[in-house]
Amino acid sequence: MQWVLLLNGGFLITEIIGAFLTNSLALLSDATHIASDISTLIIALIAVRLGRRPPDAKRTFGYIRVEAIGAMINGIILFAVAGYILWEAAHRFRHPPEIAASSILVIAGIGLIVNIIAVYLLRVSSRENLSIKGAYLEAWGDLFSSMAVLIGTVLILFTGWNIIDSILSILIGLWMLPRIWALMHEAGNVLMESAPKGIDTHEIRAALSATPGVDSVHDLHIWALSSSQPAIAAHIVVPEHENATQLQGQLMELLKTQFGIQHITLQIESSACEGPHCDKSR
């Protein structure tokens, strides 16, 4: 990830200078996107390193949720960037300025190579960490942006239609928005302690309840400590004569093997929960 940061940082300086020299909004919007990528990579790097810290007396779950906070911050930044691109493009759409298309072609070509390398370097790590996934999605966004700028510049050279630069900027901004929303939605689910993606609460309740020796299940809670670490807590009601320790071990093994949940807290009870504080629906 450090190599991606260095590559993007070096190209960002080149693209900003080139955008002002060529008067290209598409190039400037691409540079703005890369600037947000750099902030994403920095936040992701901090999140990964903090996430490795062990729990302490104050933060008993450790720092693993920092990645979701970082992803949410990145999403907010990207929304602002996309909004600026769309606003500026709409303004230029009415009055397209002259641009230096040949110079843009060279810069866009360099950007395409840099972004291909960045996507390749981030591809594997994006499966394990939400913040890196955000950086990976942005790298894909930069890759398509560079391709669009490259193709658009060729069209400008052949047709002389400078309005293509503004059209490309609008397309880049619209392409970013749904992907930003998906990232923020996933980070929001972690922060709101929603059930992790791919885990069915009703299926888990049914599997626990169907285990021999279990009378009922109540106060079942499933949430995500991070994008890759689900957790569960539940109260299990069993008959008084039941071997609670043995049954607890069976249920924990069930949750680990069938549902892939490793962080498990099960409270074994010999009497059904009664009263308004009992939650038998979750």
Protein backbone atom coordinates (compact mmCIF):
# COMPACT_ATOMS: atom_id res chain seq x y z
CA MET A 1 0.00 0.00 0.00
CA GLN A 2 2.96 2.32 0.61
CA TRP A 3 4.02 1.88 -3.02
CA VAL A 4 0.55 2.88 -4.20
CA LEU A 5 0.72 5.97 -1.99
CA LEU A 6 4.06 7.00 -3.50
CA LEU A 7 2.85 6.37 -7.06
CA ASN A 8 -0.34 8.38 -6.57
CA GLY A 9 1.47 11.20 -4.78
CA GLY A 10 3.99 11.60 -7.58
CA PHE A 11 1.36 11.52 -10.30
CA LEU A 12 -0.95 13.91 -8.40
CA ILE A 13 1.63 16.69 -8.61
CA THR A 14 2.09 16.03 -12.33
CA GLU A 15 -1.65 16.02 -13.03
CA ILE A 16 -2.44 19.19 -11.06
CA ILE A 17 0.27 21.12 -12.91
CA GLY A 18 -0.91 19.64 -16.19
CA ALA A 19 -4.56 20.49 -15.49
CA PHE A 20 -3.80 24.17 -15.02
CA LEU A 21 -1.43 24.34 -17.98
CA THR A 22 -3.91 22.64 -20.33
CA ASN A 23 -7.07 24.21 -18.82
CA SER A 24 -8.71 20.76 -18.63
CA LEU A 25 -11.50 20.20 -16.11
CA ALA A 26 -11.49 16.46 -16.82
CA LEU A 27 -7.82 16.35 -15.87
CA LEU A 28 -8.47 18.48 -12.79
CA SER A 29 -11.37 16.27 -11.72
CA ASP A 30 -9.16 13.24 -12.13
CA ALA A 31 -6.48 14.95 -10.04
CA THR A 32 -9.05 15.74 -7.35
CA HIS A 33 -10.09 12.11 -7.34
CA ILE A 34 -6.48 11.01 -6.94
CA ALA A 35 -6.07 13.48 -4.06
CA SER A 36 -8.99 11.79 -2.33
CA ASP A 37 -7.36 8.43 -3.08
CA ILE A 38 -4.25 9.54 -1.25
CA SER A 39 -6.30 10.54 1.79
CA THR A 40 -8.07 7.17 1.55
CA LEU A 41 -4.75 5.32 1.50
CA ILE A 42 -3.43 7.29 4.47
CA ILE A 43 -6.58 6.61 6.50
CA ALA A 44 -6.54 2.94 5.43
CA LEU A 45 -2.91 2.61 6.45
CA ILE A 46 -3.62 4.14 9.85
CA ALA A 47 -6.70 1.93 10.26
CA VAL A 48 -4.76 -1.24 9.43
CA ARG A 49 -1.97 -0.44 11.88
CA LEU A 50 -4.32 0.62 14.67
CA GLY A 51 -6.45 -2.46 14.04
CA ARG A 52 -3.47 -4.65 14.92
CA ARG A 53 -3.21 -3.18 18.40
CA PRO A 54 -4.37 -5.54 21.14
CA PRO A 55 -7.38 -4.70 23.35
CA ASP A 56 -6.72 -2.71 26.50
CA ALA A 57 -8.61 -1.89 29.71
CA LYS A 58 -10.53 0.96 28.04
CA ARG A 59 -11.02 -0.44 24.53
CA THR A 60 -11.87 -4.06 25.26
CA PHE A 61 -12.62 -4.84 21.60
CA GLY A 62 -9.36 -3.27 20.47
CA TYR A 63 -9.12 -0.83 17.55
CA ILE A 64 -10.48 -2.99 14.72
CA ARG A 65 -13.51 -0.74 14.14
CA VAL A 66 -11.19 2.11 13.12
CA GLU A 67 -11.33 0.72 9.58
CA ALA A 68 -15.10 1.37 9.40
CA ILE A 69 -14.63 4.92 10.71
CA GLY A 70 -11.90 5.48 8.11
CA ALA A 71 -14.10 4.13 5.33
CA MET A 72 -16.96 6.43 6.36
CA ILE A 73 -14.66 9.48 6.37
CA ASN A 74 -13.42 8.51 2.91
CA GLY A 75 -16.99 8.23 1.65
CA ILE A 76 -17.87 11.70 2.91
CA ILE A 77 -14.77 13.16 1.24
CA LEU A 78 -15.59 11.44 -2.04
CA PHE A 79 -19.18 12.67 -2.01
CA ALA A 80 -17.88 16.22 -1.68
CA VAL A 81 -15.40 15.68 -4.52
CA ALA A 82 -18.06 14.21 -6.82
CA GLY A 83 -20.38 17.13 -6.06
CA TYR A 84 -17.69 19.66 -6.95
CA ILE A 85 -16.91 17.87 -10.23
CA LEU A 86 -20.57 17.86 -11.28
CA TRP A 87 -21.08 21.51 -10.34
CA GLU A 88 -17.98 22.75 -12.19
CA ALA A 89 -18.71 20.56 -15.22
CA ALA A 90 -22.26 21.94 -15.47
CA HIS A 91 -20.83 25.47 -15.45
CA ARG A 92 -18.27 24.69 -18.15
CA PHE A 93 -20.85 22.83 -20.20
CA ARG A 94 -22.44 26.16 -21.08
CA HIS A 95 -19.11 27.83 -21.83
CA PRO A 96 -16.50 25.22 -22.84
CA PRO A 97 -12.99 26.75 -22.68
CA GLU A 98 -10.09 26.03 -25.00
CA ILE A 99 -7.86 23.16 -23.82
CA ALA A 100 -4.44 21.78 -24.82
CA ALA A 101 -5.54 18.31 -25.93
CA SER A 102 -2.12 16.98 -26.98
CA SER A 103 -0.62 17.65 -23.54
CA ILE A 104 -3.65 16.08 -21.83
CA LEU A 105 -3.13 12.94 -23.93
CA VAL A 106 0.39 12.45 -22.55
CA ILE A 107 -0.65 13.02 -18.92
CA ALA A 108 -3.68 10.75 -19.21
CA GLY A 109 -1.49 8.00 -20.67
CA ILE A 110 0.88 8.21 -17.70
CA GLY A 111 -2.11 8.18 -15.34
CA LEU A 112 -3.50 5.04 -16.96
CA ILE A 113 -0.23 3.17 -16.32
CA VAL A 114 -0.05 4.38 -12.70
CA ASN A 115 -3.65 3.35 -12.01
CA ILE A 116 -3.22 -0.12 -13.52
CA ILE A 117 -0.30 -0.69 -11.14
CA ALA A 118 -2.33 0.65 -8.18
CA VAL A 119 -5.30 -1.64 -8.90
CA TYR A 120 -2.99 -4.65 -9.12
CA LEU A 121 -1.23 -3.85 -5.83
CA LEU A 122 -4.47 -3.26 -3.89
CA ARG A 123 -6.50 -6.16 -5.33
CA VAL A 124 -5.63 -8.87 -2.78
CA SER A 125 -5.69 -6.71 0.35
CA SER A 126 -9.11 -5.26 -0.53
CA ARG A 127 -10.76 -8.60 0.33
CA GLU A 128 -9.63 -8.41 3.97
CA ASN A 129 -10.10 -4.81 5.07
CA LEU A 130 -12.91 -2.29 4.51
CA SER A 131 -10.66 0.76 4.36
CA ILE A 132 -8.39 -0.88 1.78
CA LYS A 133 -11.51 -1.89 -0.13
CA GLY A 134 -12.36 1.81 -0.32
CA ALA A 135 -8.90 2.57 -1.68
CA TYR A 136 -9.26 -0.31 -4.16
CA LEU A 137 -12.62 1.01 -5.43
CA GLU A 138 -11.14 4.47 -5.84
CA ALA A 139 -8.17 3.03 -7.75
CA TRP A 140 -10.66 1.44 -10.17
CA GLY A 141 -12.40 4.80 -10.41
CA ASP A 142 -9.10 6.44 -11.30
CA LEU A 143 -8.37 3.75 -13.86
CA PHE A 144 -11.68 4.31 -15.67
CA SER A 145 -11.25 8.08 -15.34
CA SER A 146 -7.85 7.91 -17.03
CA MET A 147 -9.27 5.73 -19.80
CA ALA A 148 -12.18 8.12 -20.30
CA VAL A 149 -9.88 11.16 -20.38
CA LEU A 150 -7.59 9.38 -22.82
CA ILE A 151 -10.41 8.44 -25.20
CA GLY A 152 -12.08 11.85 -24.84
CA THR A 153 -8.86 13.69 -25.58
CA VAL A 154 -8.38 11.69 -28.77
CA LEU A 155 -11.91 12.69 -29.82
CA ILE A 156 -11.17 16.36 -29.03
CA LEU A 157 -8.03 16.20 -31.17
CA PHE A 158 -9.96 14.82 -34.13
CA THR A 159 -13.19 16.84 -33.77
CA GLY A 160 -12.19 20.03 -31.93
CA TRP A 161 -15.22 19.68 -29.63
CA ASN A 162 -13.91 20.99 -26.32
CA ILE A 163 -17.30 20.31 -24.70
CA ILE A 164 -16.25 16.64 -24.53
CA ASP A 165 -14.00 17.61 -21.59
CA SER A 166 -17.03 18.73 -19.57
CA ILE A 167 -19.07 15.67 -20.58
CA LEU A 168 -16.25 13.41 -19.36
CA SER A 169 -16.16 15.25 -16.04
CA ILE A 170 -19.90 14.69 -15.52
CA LEU A 171 -19.58 10.99 -16.39
CA ILE A 172 -16.68 10.57 -13.95
CA GLY A 173 -18.69 12.23 -11.17
CA LEU A 174 -21.78 10.10 -11.84
CA TRP A 175 -19.68 6.94 -11.99
CA MET A 176 -18.26 7.67 -8.53
CA LEU A 177 -21.55 8.23 -6.66
CA PRO A 178 -23.08 4.69 -6.46
CA ARG A 179 -19.73 3.17 -5.49
CA ILE A 180 -19.23 5.75 -2.77
CA TRP A 181 -22.70 4.99 -1.44
CA ALA A 182 -21.99 1.23 -1.36
CA LEU A 183 -18.81 1.82 0.64
CA MET A 184 -20.55 4.15 3.13
CA HIS A 185 -23.46 1.73 3.48
CA GLU A 186 -21.12 -1.14 4.38
CA ALA A 187 -19.19 1.02 6.84
CA GLY A 188 -22.46 2.28 8.34
CA ASN A 189 -23.65 -1.29 8.91
CA VAL A 190 -20.51 -2.02 10.94
CA LEU A 191 -20.84 1.18 12.98
CA MET A 192 -24.56 0.54 13.59
CA GLU A 193 -23.77 -3.04 14.68
CA SER A 194 -26.05 -4.52 12.03
CA ALA A 195 -25.95 -8.23 11.25
CA PRO A 196 -23.01 -8.84 8.90
CA LYS A 197 -23.60 -9.37 5.21
CA GLY A 198 -24.23 -13.01 4.37
CA ILE A 199 -25.37 -13.98 7.87
CA ASP A 200 -29.07 -14.79 8.35
CA THR A 201 -30.21 -14.15 11.93
CA HIS A 202 -33.33 -16.30 11.52
CA GLU A 203 -31.27 -19.21 10.19
CA ILE A 204 -28.89 -19.03 13.15
CA ARG A 205 -31.79 -18.88 15.62
CA ALA A 206 -33.36 -21.91 13.99
CA ALA A 207 -30.07 -23.86 14.06
CA LEU A 208 -29.54 -23.10 17.76
CA SER A 209 -33.15 -23.91 18.67
CA ALA A 210 -33.04 -27.20 16.75
CA THR A 211 -30.04 -28.48 18.71
CA PRO A 212 -31.05 -31.32 21.09
CA GLY A 213 -31.17 -30.06 24.67
CA VAL A 214 -32.11 -26.46 23.79
CA ASP A 215 -35.56 -25.35 24.98
CA SER A 216 -35.44 -21.80 23.61
CA VAL A 217 -33.21 -18.94 22.52
CA HIS A 218 -33.67 -15.30 23.46
CA ASP A 219 -31.76 -12.01 23.33
CA LEU A 220 -29.91 -13.11 20.21
CA HIS A 221 -27.57 -10.39 18.93
CA ILE A 222 -25.32 -10.65 15.88
CA TRP A 223 -23.06 -7.81 14.81
CA ALA A 224 -19.76 -7.07 13.08
CA LEU A 225 -16.68 -6.03 15.01
CA SER A 226 -15.15 -5.19 11.63
CA SER A 227 -15.89 -6.01 7.99
CA SER A 228 -14.41 -9.50 8.44
CA GLN A 229 -15.11 -10.33 12.11
CA PRO A 230 -18.72 -11.23 13.02
CA ALA A 231 -19.72 -11.68 16.66
CA ILE A 232 -22.71 -13.23 18.42
CA ALA A 233 -24.23 -13.18 21.90
CA ALA A 234 -27.30 -15.15 23.00
CA HIS A 235 -29.12 -16.60 25.99
CA ILE A 236 -29.82 -20.34 25.71
CA VAL A 237 -32.51 -21.92 27.89
CA VAL A 238 -31.98 -25.62 28.70
CA PRO A 239 -33.60 -28.17 31.07
CA GLU A 240 -32.16 -28.29 34.59
CA HIS A 241 -30.77 -31.81 34.10
CA GLU A 242 -28.92 -30.86 30.88
CA ASN A 243 -25.09 -30.83 30.83
CA ALA A 244 -24.72 -27.07 30.23
CA THR A 245 -20.97 -27.11 29.62
CA GLN A 246 -21.16 -29.85 27.00
CA LEU A 247 -24.12 -28.26 25.23
CA GLN A 248 -22.41 -24.88 25.18
CA GLY A 249 -19.40 -26.46 23.48
CA GLN A 250 -21.65 -28.08 20.86
CA LEU A 251 -23.39 -24.79 20.09
CA MET A 252 -20.10 -22.89 19.80
CA GLU A 253 -18.75 -25.53 17.41
CA LEU A 254 -21.95 -25.24 15.36
CA LEU A 255 -21.59 -21.47 15.06
CA LYS A 256 -17.92 -21.74 14.09
CA THR A 257 -18.21 -24.48 11.48
CA GLN A 258 -21.61 -23.72 9.93
CA PHE A 259 -21.65 -19.91 10.10
CA GLY A 260 -17.98 -18.94 10.40
CA ILE A 261 -18.44 -16.97 13.64
CA GLN A 262 -15.47 -17.08 16.00
CA HIS A 263 -16.36 -14.41 18.57
CA ILE A 264 -19.12 -16.16 20.57
CA THR A 265 -20.77 -15.44 23.93
CA LEU A 266 -23.48 -17.86 25.06
CA GLN A 267 -25.23 -17.63 28.42
CA ILE A 268 -26.82 -20.93 29.49
CA GLU A 269 -29.97 -20.65 31.62
CA SER A 270 -32.18 -23.30 33.25
CA SER A 271 -35.37 -21.27 33.29
CA ALA A 272 -37.21 -19.36 30.58
CA CYS A 273 -36.79 -15.60 30.55
CA GLU A 274 -39.92 -13.73 31.54
CA GLY A 275 -40.68 -10.03 31.71
CA PRO A 276 -40.45 -6.92 29.52
CA HIS A 277 -36.66 -7.00 29.43
CA CYS A 278 -36.61 -10.33 27.56
CA ASP A 279 -36.24 -10.11 23.82
CA LYS A 280 -37.39 -13.32 22.18
CA SER A 281 -37.81 -11.83 18.71
CA ARG A 282 -34.18 -11.10 17.88
